[in-house]
Amino acid sequence: MNVAEVTAKAKVLLEALPYIQDFRGSTFVIKYGGSFMDDPDPVARTRVAYDIAFLAACGINVVVVHGGGKAITKAMESSGLKADFVNGLRVTDAATIAVVKKTLDEVVNKDVCDAVASAKGKPKGLPGDTVLVCEKLIVDDDGHAVDLGYVGDVTEVKVKLIKKEIGDGFIPIISPVAEGHDGMPYNVNADLVAGRVASALRARRLVYMSDVPGLLSNPPDADSLISTLKISQVEELKKRGVIDKGMRPKVQSAIRALEEGVQRVHFIDGRLPHSLLLEIFTDQGIGTEIVHG
């Protein structure tokens, strides 16, 4: 390795230093989802796990909320159940919620925990219904009445239980299942869960990792990334179709989180090597951040 390469590495570390100093002791909530999470090739998942372990090693309190839609659909097919969706939301009857909970808690959550542990992090798997309470979802994002069965909207986050795990040095890994007032588990949109958890913890940062670069002003053009978006600009982008059906739950959850005390929300592409670290610890960033204004 020559001097120039060594110097370049030192510059990267020095660029990260003020961010590490500033963020130490802060709480970050990471939404871990997207097709990269379901890819048979574990490389991308392993990179993300190392990024999460890196954040924790820098003294940041990291909380992870994971998705698992594709794993659920696969498990349902194996059980002879057909997946039905209404406006992108999974219809969840009694047979389906049993498969959903088992898959999220015992398969997906375990996989995420194993990946973080392999990076020398200290994960603690938390079934969502041990820390989340919900009511039955009766209205979708567009205000239309829906009956999707055991699908919920989070009304309470048991902050003390999550903070206890953080205080004991763990990285809580939460599945998107909540306990209903009837004592039953409910399937909950993982983007919504991440937003509610971030709000309840008054997180410094909420990061949505998926398989898109961020918000694009011209969706087919990957070079049209919107680096910074103010809340006041969101409605116009919805009208123009820039924020489409797939991004709406994320953006709505982001705005609610910002209004409830989260300082910034980031959308990044989990397929890019170390996108989490690049977004958090460099001046430029590589995704979209949503801010007040």
C-alpha atoms as a PDB file:
ATOM      1  CA  MET A   1       0.000   0.000   0.000  1.00  0.00           C
ATOM      2  CA  ASN A   2       1.467   3.368  -1.006  1.00  0.00           C
ATOM      3  CA  VAL A   3       1.459   6.634   0.939  1.00  0.00           C
ATOM      4  CA  ALA A   4      -1.367   8.126  -1.144  1.00  0.00           C
ATOM      5  CA  GLU A   5      -3.663   5.200  -0.333  1.00  0.00           C
ATOM      6  CA  VAL A   6      -2.848   5.385   3.374  1.00  0.00           C
ATOM      7  CA  THR A   7      -3.438   9.152   3.400  1.00  0.00           C
ATOM      8  CA  ALA A   8      -6.790   8.715   1.603  1.00  0.00           C
ATOM      9  CA  LYS A   9      -7.894   6.206   4.254  1.00  0.00           C
ATOM     10  CA  ALA A  10      -6.854   8.588   7.024  1.00  0.00           C
ATOM     11  CA  LYS A  11      -8.907  11.385   5.405  1.00  0.00           C
ATOM     12  CA  VAL A  12     -11.995   9.149   5.410  1.00  0.00           C
ATOM     13  CA  LEU A  13     -11.545   8.450   9.113  1.00  0.00           C
ATOM     14  CA  LEU A  14     -11.011  12.137   9.888  1.00  0.00           C
ATOM     15  CA  GLU A  15     -14.142  13.084   7.932  1.00  0.00           C
ATOM     16  CA  ALA A  16     -16.120  10.642  10.079  1.00  0.00           C
ATOM     17  CA  LEU A  17     -14.639  11.838  13.379  1.00  0.00           C
ATOM     18  CA  PRO A  18     -16.880  14.882  14.053  1.00  0.00           C
ATOM     19  CA  TYR A  19     -19.976  12.817  13.249  1.00  0.00           C
ATOM     20  CA  ILE A  20     -18.877  10.035  15.599  1.00  0.00           C
ATOM     21  CA  GLN A  21     -18.237  12.594  18.345  1.00  0.00           C
ATOM     22  CA  ASP A  22     -21.582  14.309  17.751  1.00  0.00           C
ATOM     23  CA  PHE A  23     -23.709  11.165  17.509  1.00  0.00           C
ATOM     24  CA  ARG A  24     -22.223   9.288  20.460  1.00  0.00           C
ATOM     25  CA  GLY A  25     -25.023   8.512  22.925  1.00  0.00           C
ATOM     26  CA  SER A  26     -27.752   9.279  20.346  1.00  0.00           C
ATOM     27  CA  THR A  27     -30.459   6.821  19.315  1.00  0.00           C
ATOM     28  CA  PHE A  28     -30.799   5.699  15.686  1.00  0.00           C
ATOM     29  CA  VAL A  29     -33.673   3.563  14.399  1.00  0.00           C
ATOM     30  CA  ILE A  30     -32.873   1.535  11.278  1.00  0.00           C
ATOM     31  CA  LYS A  31     -35.676   0.068   9.133  1.00  0.00           C
ATOM     32  CA  TYR A  32     -34.112  -2.974   7.494  1.00  0.00           C
ATOM     33  CA  GLY A  33     -36.070  -4.111   4.434  1.00  0.00           C
ATOM     34  CA  GLY A  34     -36.136  -4.329   0.651  1.00  0.00           C
ATOM     35  CA  SER A  35     -35.334  -7.078  -1.813  1.00  0.00           C
ATOM     36  CA  PHE A  36     -31.648  -7.083  -0.779  1.00  0.00           C
ATOM     37  CA  MET A  37     -32.842  -8.537   2.527  1.00  0.00           C
ATOM     38  CA  ASP A  38     -34.388 -11.537   0.718  1.00  0.00           C
ATOM     39  CA  ASP A  39     -31.483 -12.091  -1.710  1.00  0.00           C
ATOM     40  CA  PRO A  40     -30.049 -15.635  -1.461  1.00  0.00           C
ATOM     41  CA  ASP A  41     -26.582 -14.035  -1.692  1.00  0.00           C
ATOM     42  CA  PRO A  42     -25.803 -12.998   1.913  1.00  0.00           C
ATOM     43  CA  VAL A  43     -23.142 -10.422   0.978  1.00  0.00           C
ATOM     44  CA  ALA A  44     -25.416  -7.350   1.118  1.00  0.00           C
ATOM     45  CA  ARG A  45     -27.020  -8.486   4.380  1.00  0.00           C
ATOM     46  CA  THR A  46     -23.584  -9.091   5.884  1.00  0.00           C
ATOM     47  CA  ARG A  47     -22.401  -5.595   4.896  1.00  0.00           C
ATOM     48  CA  VAL A  48     -25.463  -4.019   6.508  1.00  0.00           C
ATOM     49  CA  ALA A  49     -24.882  -6.062   9.666  1.00  0.00           C
ATOM     50  CA  TYR A  50     -21.298  -4.788   9.872  1.00  0.00           C
ATOM     51  CA  ASP A  51     -22.524  -1.203   9.403  1.00  0.00           C
ATOM     52  CA  ILE A  52     -25.014  -1.676  12.262  1.00  0.00           C
ATOM     53  CA  ALA A  53     -22.284  -3.149  14.479  1.00  0.00           C
ATOM     54  CA  PHE A  54     -20.010  -0.218  13.537  1.00  0.00           C
ATOM     55  CA  LEU A  55     -22.636   2.327  14.620  1.00  0.00           C
ATOM     56  CA  ALA A  56     -23.051   0.531  17.951  1.00  0.00           C
ATOM     57  CA  ALA A  57     -19.262   0.410  18.442  1.00  0.00           C
ATOM     58  CA  CYS A  58     -19.207   4.211  17.971  1.00  0.00           C
ATOM     59  CA  GLY A  59     -21.474   4.599  21.008  1.00  0.00           C
ATOM     60  CA  ILE A  60     -24.719   5.045  19.059  1.00  0.00           C
ATOM     61  CA  ASN A  61     -27.826   3.348  20.474  1.00  0.00           C
ATOM     62  CA  VAL A  62     -29.038   1.363  17.462  1.00  0.00           C
ATOM     63  CA  VAL A  63     -32.552  -0.110  17.239  1.00  0.00           C
ATOM     64  CA  VAL A  64     -33.466  -2.208  14.198  1.00  0.00           C
ATOM     65  CA  VAL A  65     -36.971  -2.831  12.822  1.00  0.00           C
ATOM     66  CA  HIS A  66     -37.046  -5.424  10.050  1.00  0.00           C
ATOM     67  CA  GLY A  67     -39.541  -6.340   7.360  1.00  0.00           C
ATOM     68  CA  GLY A  68     -40.025  -9.751   5.799  1.00  0.00           C
ATOM     69  CA  GLY A  69     -42.814  -9.630   3.214  1.00  0.00           C
ATOM     70  CA  LYS A  70     -41.220 -12.042   0.745  1.00  0.00           C
ATOM     71  CA  ALA A  71     -40.362 -14.545   3.479  1.00  0.00           C
ATOM     72  CA  ILE A  72     -43.986 -14.440   4.645  1.00  0.00           C
ATOM     73  CA  THR A  73     -45.336 -15.027   1.135  1.00  0.00           C
ATOM     74  CA  LYS A  74     -42.967 -17.975   0.693  1.00  0.00           C
ATOM     75  CA  ALA A  75     -43.989 -19.468   4.056  1.00  0.00           C
ATOM     76  CA  MET A  76     -47.666 -19.037   3.182  1.00  0.00           C
ATOM     77  CA  GLU A  77     -47.174 -20.868  -0.110  1.00  0.00           C
ATOM     78  CA  SER A  78     -45.490 -23.723   1.772  1.00  0.00           C
ATOM     79  CA  SER A  79     -48.524 -23.846   4.089  1.00  0.00           C
ATOM     80  CA  GLY A  80     -50.963 -23.869   1.174  1.00  0.00           C
ATOM     81  CA  LEU A  81     -52.208 -20.332   1.876  1.00  0.00           C
ATOM     82  CA  LYS A  82     -52.767 -17.754  -0.863  1.00  0.00           C
ATOM     83  CA  ALA A  83     -51.480 -14.204  -0.347  1.00  0.00           C
ATOM     84  CA  ASP A  84     -54.099 -11.509  -1.026  1.00  0.00           C
ATOM     85  CA  PHE A  85     -53.362  -7.795  -1.079  1.00  0.00           C
ATOM     86  CA  VAL A  86     -55.550  -4.690  -1.047  1.00  0.00           C
ATOM     87  CA  ASN A  87     -53.717  -1.535  -2.156  1.00  0.00           C
ATOM     88  CA  GLY A  88     -50.406  -3.127  -1.214  1.00  0.00           C
ATOM     89  CA  LEU A  89     -51.567  -4.269   2.238  1.00  0.00           C
ATOM     90  CA  ARG A  90     -51.674  -7.994   3.054  1.00  0.00           C
ATOM     91  CA  VAL A  91     -55.075  -9.403   3.980  1.00  0.00           C
ATOM     92  CA  THR A  92     -54.377 -11.329   7.190  1.00  0.00           C
ATOM     93  CA  ASP A  93     -56.868 -13.871   8.499  1.00  0.00           C
ATOM     94  CA  ALA A  94     -56.351 -16.112  11.552  1.00  0.00           C
ATOM     95  CA  ALA A  95     -54.404 -18.760   9.607  1.00  0.00           C
ATOM     96  CA  THR A  96     -52.236 -16.122   7.946  1.00  0.00           C
ATOM     97  CA  ILE A  97     -51.321 -14.243  11.141  1.00  0.00           C
ATOM     98  CA  ALA A  98     -50.037 -17.493  12.669  1.00  0.00           C
ATOM     99  CA  VAL A  99     -47.669 -17.931   9.692  1.00  0.00           C
ATOM    100  CA  VAL A 100     -46.746 -14.218   9.735  1.00  0.00           C
ATOM    101  CA  LYS A 101     -45.768 -14.226  13.404  1.00  0.00           C
ATOM    102  CA  LYS A 102     -43.826 -17.503  13.209  1.00  0.00           C
ATOM    103  CA  THR A 103     -41.943 -16.371  10.080  1.00  0.00           C
ATOM    104  CA  LEU A 104     -41.081 -12.897  11.354  1.00  0.00           C
ATOM    105  CA  ASP A 105     -40.140 -13.919  14.913  1.00  0.00           C
ATOM    106  CA  GLU A 106     -38.474 -17.286  14.341  1.00  0.00           C
ATOM    107  CA  VAL A 107     -36.985 -16.990  10.850  1.00  0.00           C
ATOM    108  CA  VAL A 108     -36.409 -13.388   9.737  1.00  0.00           C
ATOM    109  CA  ASN A 109     -35.618 -11.953  13.166  1.00  0.00           C
ATOM    110  CA  LYS A 110     -33.210 -14.806  13.866  1.00  0.00           C
ATOM    111  CA  ASP A 111     -31.475 -14.270  10.505  1.00  0.00           C
ATOM    112  CA  VAL A 112     -30.969 -10.555  11.237  1.00  0.00           C
ATOM    113  CA  CYS A 113     -29.713 -11.308  14.750  1.00  0.00           C
ATOM    114  CA  ASP A 114     -27.301 -13.957  13.437  1.00  0.00           C
ATOM    115  CA  ALA A 115     -25.935 -11.513  10.851  1.00  0.00           C
ATOM    116  CA  VAL A 116     -25.342  -8.779  13.444  1.00  0.00           C
ATOM    117  CA  ALA A 117     -23.772 -11.296  15.840  1.00  0.00           C
ATOM    118  CA  SER A 118     -21.403 -12.446  13.071  1.00  0.00           C
ATOM    119  CA  ALA A 119     -20.214  -8.817  12.859  1.00  0.00           C
ATOM    120  CA  LYS A 120     -19.430  -8.941  16.607  1.00  0.00           C
ATOM    121  CA  GLY A 121     -22.491  -6.854  17.476  1.00  0.00           C
ATOM    122  CA  LYS A 122     -24.780  -7.763  20.409  1.00  0.00           C
ATOM    123  CA  PRO A 123     -28.276  -8.238  18.970  1.00  0.00           C
ATOM    124  CA  LYS A 124     -31.365  -8.965  21.061  1.00  0.00           C
ATOM    125  CA  GLY A 125     -34.349 -10.276  19.141  1.00  0.00           C
ATOM    126  CA  LEU A 126     -37.622  -8.768  20.347  1.00  0.00           C
ATOM    127  CA  PRO A 127     -40.908 -10.192  19.011  1.00  0.00           C
ATOM    128  CA  GLY A 128     -42.853  -7.049  18.143  1.00  0.00           C
ATOM    129  CA  ASP A 129     -45.879  -8.002  20.211  1.00  0.00           C
ATOM    130  CA  THR A 130     -43.745  -7.849  23.378  1.00  0.00           C
ATOM    131  CA  VAL A 131     -43.026  -4.125  22.874  1.00  0.00           C
ATOM    132  CA  LEU A 132     -45.780  -2.893  20.528  1.00  0.00           C
ATOM    133  CA  VAL A 133     -49.515  -2.444  21.127  1.00  0.00           C
ATOM    134  CA  CYS A 134     -51.943  -1.744  18.288  1.00  0.00           C
ATOM    135  CA  GLU A 135     -55.537  -1.254  17.312  1.00  0.00           C
ATOM    136  CA  LYS A 136     -57.096  -2.844  14.243  1.00  0.00           C
ATOM    137  CA  LEU A 137     -56.394  -0.899  11.048  1.00  0.00           C
ATOM    138  CA  ILE A 138     -59.687   0.381   9.679  1.00  0.00           C
ATOM    139  CA  VAL A 139     -58.529   3.180   7.329  1.00  0.00           C
ATOM    140  CA  ASP A 140     -55.765   3.006   4.699  1.00  0.00           C
ATOM    141  CA  ASP A 141     -53.281   5.769   3.745  1.00  0.00           C
ATOM    142  CA  ASP A 142     -55.817   7.336   1.380  1.00  0.00           C
ATOM    143  CA  GLY A 143     -58.525   7.502   4.051  1.00  0.00           C
ATOM    144  CA  HIS A 144     -60.562   4.613   2.642  1.00  0.00           C
ATOM    145  CA  ALA A 145     -62.265   2.170   5.019  1.00  0.00           C
ATOM    146  CA  VAL A 146     -60.624  -1.272   4.959  1.00  0.00           C
ATOM    147  CA  ASP A 147     -61.014  -4.604   6.714  1.00  0.00           C
ATOM    148  CA  LEU A 148     -57.801  -6.570   6.313  1.00  0.00           C
ATOM    149  CA  GLY A 149     -58.291  -8.892   9.273  1.00  0.00           C
ATOM    150  CA  TYR A 150     -55.400  -9.020  11.728  1.00  0.00           C
ATOM    151  CA  VAL A 151     -53.624  -5.893  10.450  1.00  0.00           C
ATOM    152  CA  GLY A 152     -52.885  -3.202  13.010  1.00  0.00           C
ATOM    153  CA  ASP A 153     -51.879   0.408  13.553  1.00  0.00           C
ATOM    154  CA  VAL A 154     -49.408   0.926  16.423  1.00  0.00           C
ATOM    155  CA  THR A 155     -50.817   2.933  19.336  1.00  0.00           C
ATOM    156  CA  GLU A 156     -48.184   2.279  22.003  1.00  0.00           C
ATOM    157  CA  VAL A 157     -44.469   1.489  22.146  1.00  0.00           C
ATOM    158  CA  LYS A 158     -43.170   0.028  25.408  1.00  0.00           C
ATOM    159  CA  VAL A 159     -40.166   2.316  25.568  1.00  0.00           C
ATOM    160  CA  LYS A 160     -38.861   1.116  28.933  1.00  0.00           C
ATOM    161  CA  LEU A 161     -38.432  -2.448  27.668  1.00  0.00           C
ATOM    162  CA  ILE A 162     -36.485  -1.281  24.603  1.00  0.00           C
ATOM    163  CA  LYS A 163     -34.352   1.123  26.641  1.00  0.00           C
ATOM    164  CA  LYS A 164     -33.533  -1.640  29.110  1.00  0.00           C
ATOM    165  CA  GLU A 165     -32.037  -3.737  26.311  1.00  0.00           C
ATOM    166  CA  ILE A 166     -30.070  -0.706  25.078  1.00  0.00           C
ATOM    167  CA  GLY A 167     -28.871  -0.022  28.628  1.00  0.00           C
ATOM    168  CA  ASP A 168     -27.682  -3.627  28.894  1.00  0.00           C
ATOM    169  CA  GLY A 169     -25.546  -3.099  25.790  1.00  0.00           C
ATOM    170  CA  PHE A 170     -27.772  -4.837  23.252  1.00  0.00           C
ATOM    171  CA  ILE A 171     -28.983  -3.856  19.772  1.00  0.00           C
ATOM    172  CA  PRO A 172     -32.771  -4.499  19.861  1.00  0.00           C
ATOM    173  CA  ILE A 173     -34.025  -6.211  16.678  1.00  0.00           C
ATOM    174  CA  ILE A 174     -37.813  -5.778  16.495  1.00  0.00           C
ATOM    175  CA  SER A 175     -40.255  -7.704  14.278  1.00  0.00           C
ATOM    176  CA  PRO A 176     -43.285  -5.831  12.823  1.00  0.00           C
ATOM    177  CA  VAL A 177     -45.964  -7.626  14.847  1.00  0.00           C
ATOM    178  CA  ALA A 178     -48.016  -5.904  17.561  1.00  0.00           C
ATOM    179  CA  GLU A 179     -50.406  -7.090  20.256  1.00  0.00           C
ATOM    180  CA  GLY A 180     -54.011  -6.044  19.758  1.00  0.00           C
ATOM    181  CA  HIS A 181     -56.353  -5.038  22.556  1.00  0.00           C
ATOM    182  CA  ASP A 182     -57.943  -8.470  22.105  1.00  0.00           C
ATOM    183  CA  GLY A 183     -54.630 -10.151  22.983  1.00  0.00           C
ATOM    184  CA  MET A 184     -54.086 -11.384  19.403  1.00  0.00           C
ATOM    185  CA  PRO A 185     -50.952 -10.669  17.349  1.00  0.00           C
ATOM    186  CA  TYR A 186     -51.456  -8.262  14.439  1.00  0.00           C
ATOM    187  CA  ASN A 187     -49.421  -7.795  11.277  1.00  0.00           C
ATOM    188  CA  VAL A 188     -48.157  -4.180  11.036  1.00  0.00           C
ATOM    189  CA  ASN A 189     -46.457  -2.339   8.193  1.00  0.00           C
ATOM    190  CA  ALA A 190     -42.741  -2.338   9.115  1.00  0.00           C
ATOM    191  CA  ASP A 191     -42.267   1.240   7.848  1.00  0.00           C
ATOM    192  CA  LEU A 192     -44.997   2.384  10.217  1.00  0.00           C
ATOM    193  CA  VAL A 193     -43.448   0.419  13.099  1.00  0.00           C
ATOM    194  CA  ALA A 194     -40.042   2.027  12.500  1.00  0.00           C
ATOM    195  CA  GLY A 195     -41.588   5.492  12.526  1.00  0.00           C
ATOM    196  CA  ARG A 196     -43.556   4.871  15.716  1.00  0.00           C
ATOM    197  CA  VAL A 197     -40.529   3.354  17.488  1.00  0.00           C
ATOM    198  CA  ALA A 198     -38.334   6.288  16.408  1.00  0.00           C
ATOM    199  CA  SER A 199     -40.923   8.787  17.676  1.00  0.00           C
ATOM    200  CA  ALA A 200     -41.336   7.013  21.009  1.00  0.00           C
ATOM    201  CA  LEU A 201     -37.557   6.857  21.545  1.00  0.00           C
ATOM    202  CA  ARG A 202     -37.093  10.470  20.349  1.00  0.00           C
ATOM    203  CA  ALA A 203     -34.484   9.106  17.955  1.00  0.00           C
ATOM    204  CA  ARG A 204     -31.872  11.432  16.498  1.00  0.00           C
ATOM    205  CA  ARG A 205     -32.074   9.613  13.159  1.00  0.00           C
ATOM    206  CA  LEU A 206     -34.558   7.298  11.428  1.00  0.00           C
ATOM    207  CA  VAL A 207     -33.085   5.448   8.443  1.00  0.00           C
ATOM    208  CA  TYR A 208     -35.154   3.504   5.905  1.00  0.00           C
ATOM    209  CA  MET A 209     -33.014   0.962   4.049  1.00  0.00           C
ATOM    210  CA  SER A 210     -34.626  -0.480   0.920  1.00  0.00           C
ATOM    211  CA  ASP A 211     -33.758  -1.341  -2.676  1.00  0.00           C
ATOM    212  CA  VAL A 212     -34.100   2.150  -4.187  1.00  0.00           C
ATOM    213  CA  PRO A 213     -31.517   4.978  -4.057  1.00  0.00           C
ATOM    214  CA  GLY A 214     -33.901   7.366  -2.284  1.00  0.00           C
ATOM    215  CA  LEU A 215     -36.472   9.770  -3.721  1.00  0.00           C
ATOM    216  CA  LEU A 216     -35.993  10.490  -7.422  1.00  0.00           C
ATOM    217  CA  SER A 217     -37.475  13.629  -9.028  1.00  0.00           C
ATOM    218  CA  ASN A 218     -37.712  11.605 -12.255  1.00  0.00           C
ATOM    219  CA  PRO A 219     -38.227   8.003 -11.035  1.00  0.00           C
ATOM    220  CA  PRO A 220     -36.836   6.251 -14.165  1.00  0.00           C
ATOM    221  CA  ASP A 221     -33.629   8.339 -13.925  1.00  0.00           C
ATOM    222  CA  ALA A 222     -31.284   7.132 -11.164  1.00  0.00           C
ATOM    223  CA  ASP A 223     -29.324  10.397 -11.472  1.00  0.00           C
ATOM    224  CA  SER A 224     -32.321  12.518 -10.395  1.00  0.00           C
ATOM    225  CA  LEU A 225     -31.825  11.825  -6.673  1.00  0.00           C
ATOM    226  CA  ILE A 226     -33.318  14.415  -4.308  1.00  0.00           C
ATOM    227  CA  SER A 227     -30.600  14.810  -1.645  1.00  0.00           C
ATOM    228  CA  THR A 228     -32.638  16.927   0.780  1.00  0.00           C
ATOM    229  CA  LEU A 229     -36.408  17.242   0.965  1.00  0.00           C
ATOM    230  CA  LYS A 230     -38.369  19.574   3.225  1.00  0.00           C
ATOM    231  CA  ILE A 231     -41.715  18.476   4.668  1.00  0.00           C
ATOM    232  CA  SER A 232     -43.340  21.439   2.905  1.00  0.00           C
ATOM    233  CA  GLN A 233     -42.335  20.001  -0.499  1.00  0.00           C
ATOM    234  CA  VAL A 234     -43.918  16.570  -0.006  1.00  0.00           C
ATOM    235  CA  GLU A 235     -47.495  17.341  -1.154  1.00  0.00           C
ATOM    236  CA  GLU A 236     -46.314  18.746  -4.470  1.00  0.00           C
ATOM    237  CA  LEU A 237     -44.202  15.642  -5.120  1.00  0.00           C
ATOM    238  CA  LYS A 238     -47.209  13.427  -4.354  1.00  0.00           C
ATOM    239  CA  LYS A 239     -49.308  15.332  -6.896  1.00  0.00           C
ATOM    240  CA  ARG A 240     -46.575  14.909  -9.503  1.00  0.00           C
ATOM    241  CA  GLY A 241     -46.358  11.177  -8.811  1.00  0.00           C
ATOM    242  CA  VAL A 242     -42.750  11.418  -7.628  1.00  0.00           C
ATOM    243  CA  ILE A 243     -43.790   9.923  -4.289  1.00  0.00           C
ATOM    244  CA  ASP A 244     -45.744   6.930  -5.556  1.00  0.00           C
ATOM    245  CA  LYS A 245     -47.723   4.171  -3.869  1.00  0.00           C
ATOM    246  CA  GLY A 246     -44.663   2.232  -2.727  1.00  0.00           C
ATOM    247  CA  MET A 247     -42.970   5.219  -1.092  1.00  0.00           C
ATOM    248  CA  ARG A 248     -46.073   6.758   0.488  1.00  0.00           C
ATOM    249  CA  PRO A 249     -46.097   4.696   3.709  1.00  0.00           C
ATOM    250  CA  LYS A 250     -42.403   5.459   4.218  1.00  0.00           C
ATOM    251  CA  VAL A 251     -42.824   9.187   3.596  1.00  0.00           C
ATOM    252  CA  GLN A 252     -45.974   9.435   5.749  1.00  0.00           C
ATOM    253  CA  SER A 253     -44.207   7.618   8.588  1.00  0.00           C
ATOM    254  CA  ALA A 254     -41.176   9.887   8.110  1.00  0.00           C
ATOM    255  CA  ILE A 255     -43.243  13.076   8.347  1.00  0.00           C
ATOM    256  CA  ARG A 256     -45.080  11.862  11.439  1.00  0.00           C
ATOM    257  CA  ALA A 257     -41.767  10.928  13.077  1.00  0.00           C
ATOM    258  CA  LEU A 258     -40.303  14.366  12.322  1.00  0.00           C
ATOM    259  CA  GLU A 259     -43.392  16.073  13.725  1.00  0.00           C
ATOM    260  CA  GLU A 260     -43.061  13.968  16.896  1.00  0.00           C
ATOM    261  CA  GLY A 261     -39.435  14.750  17.676  1.00  0.00           C
ATOM    262  CA  VAL A 262     -37.162  12.769  15.343  1.00  0.00           C
ATOM    263  CA  GLN A 263     -34.506  15.139  13.995  1.00  0.00           C
ATOM    264  CA  ARG A 264     -33.916  13.677  10.515  1.00  0.00           C
ATOM    265  CA  VAL A 265     -35.102  10.832   8.333  1.00  0.00           C
ATOM    266  CA  HIS A 266     -32.990   9.166   5.630  1.00  0.00           C
ATOM    267  CA  PHE A 267     -33.894   6.921   2.684  1.00  0.00           C
ATOM    268  CA  ILE A 268     -30.964   4.878   1.393  1.00  0.00           C
ATOM    269  CA  ASP A 269     -30.261   1.908  -0.868  1.00  0.00           C
ATOM    270  CA  GLY A 270     -29.222  -1.123   1.177  1.00  0.00           C
ATOM    271  CA  ARG A 271     -27.720  -2.764  -1.917  1.00  0.00           C
ATOM    272  CA  LEU A 272     -24.913  -0.203  -2.096  1.00  0.00           C
ATOM    273  CA  PRO A 273     -21.812  -1.204  -0.127  1.00  0.00           C
ATOM    274  CA  HIS A 274     -21.837   0.474   3.303  1.00  0.00           C
ATOM    275  CA  SER A 275     -24.559   2.946   2.305  1.00  0.00           C
ATOM    276  CA  LEU A 276     -25.541   3.325   5.966  1.00  0.00           C
ATOM    277  CA  LEU A 277     -22.081   4.524   7.012  1.00  0.00           C
ATOM    278  CA  LEU A 278     -21.709   6.762   3.956  1.00  0.00           C
ATOM    279  CA  GLU A 279     -25.031   8.469   4.637  1.00  0.00           C
ATOM    280  CA  ILE A 280     -24.363   9.013   8.336  1.00  0.00           C
ATOM    281  CA  PHE A 281     -20.626   9.691   8.536  1.00  0.00           C
ATOM    282  CA  THR A 282     -19.786  11.695   5.381  1.00  0.00           C
ATOM    283  CA  ASP A 283     -20.470  15.302   4.400  1.00  0.00           C
ATOM    284  CA  GLN A 284     -22.136  14.419   1.083  1.00  0.00           C
ATOM    285  CA  GLY A 285     -24.343  11.439   1.922  1.00  0.00           C
ATOM    286  CA  ILE A 286     -25.745   9.144  -0.766  1.00  0.00           C
ATOM    287  CA  GLY A 287     -29.518   9.011  -0.212  1.00  0.00           C
ATOM    288  CA  THR A 288     -32.434  11.348   0.499  1.00  0.00           C
ATOM    289  CA  GLU A 289     -32.895  13.076   3.833  1.00  0.00           C
ATOM    290  CA  ILE A 290     -36.229  14.568   4.899  1.00  0.00           C
ATOM    291  CA  VAL A 291     -35.989  17.545   7.225  1.00  0.00           C
ATOM    292  CA  HIS A 292     -38.209  20.163   8.840  1.00  0.00           C
ATOM    293  CA  GLY A 293     -38.881  23.344   6.887  1.00  0.00           C
END
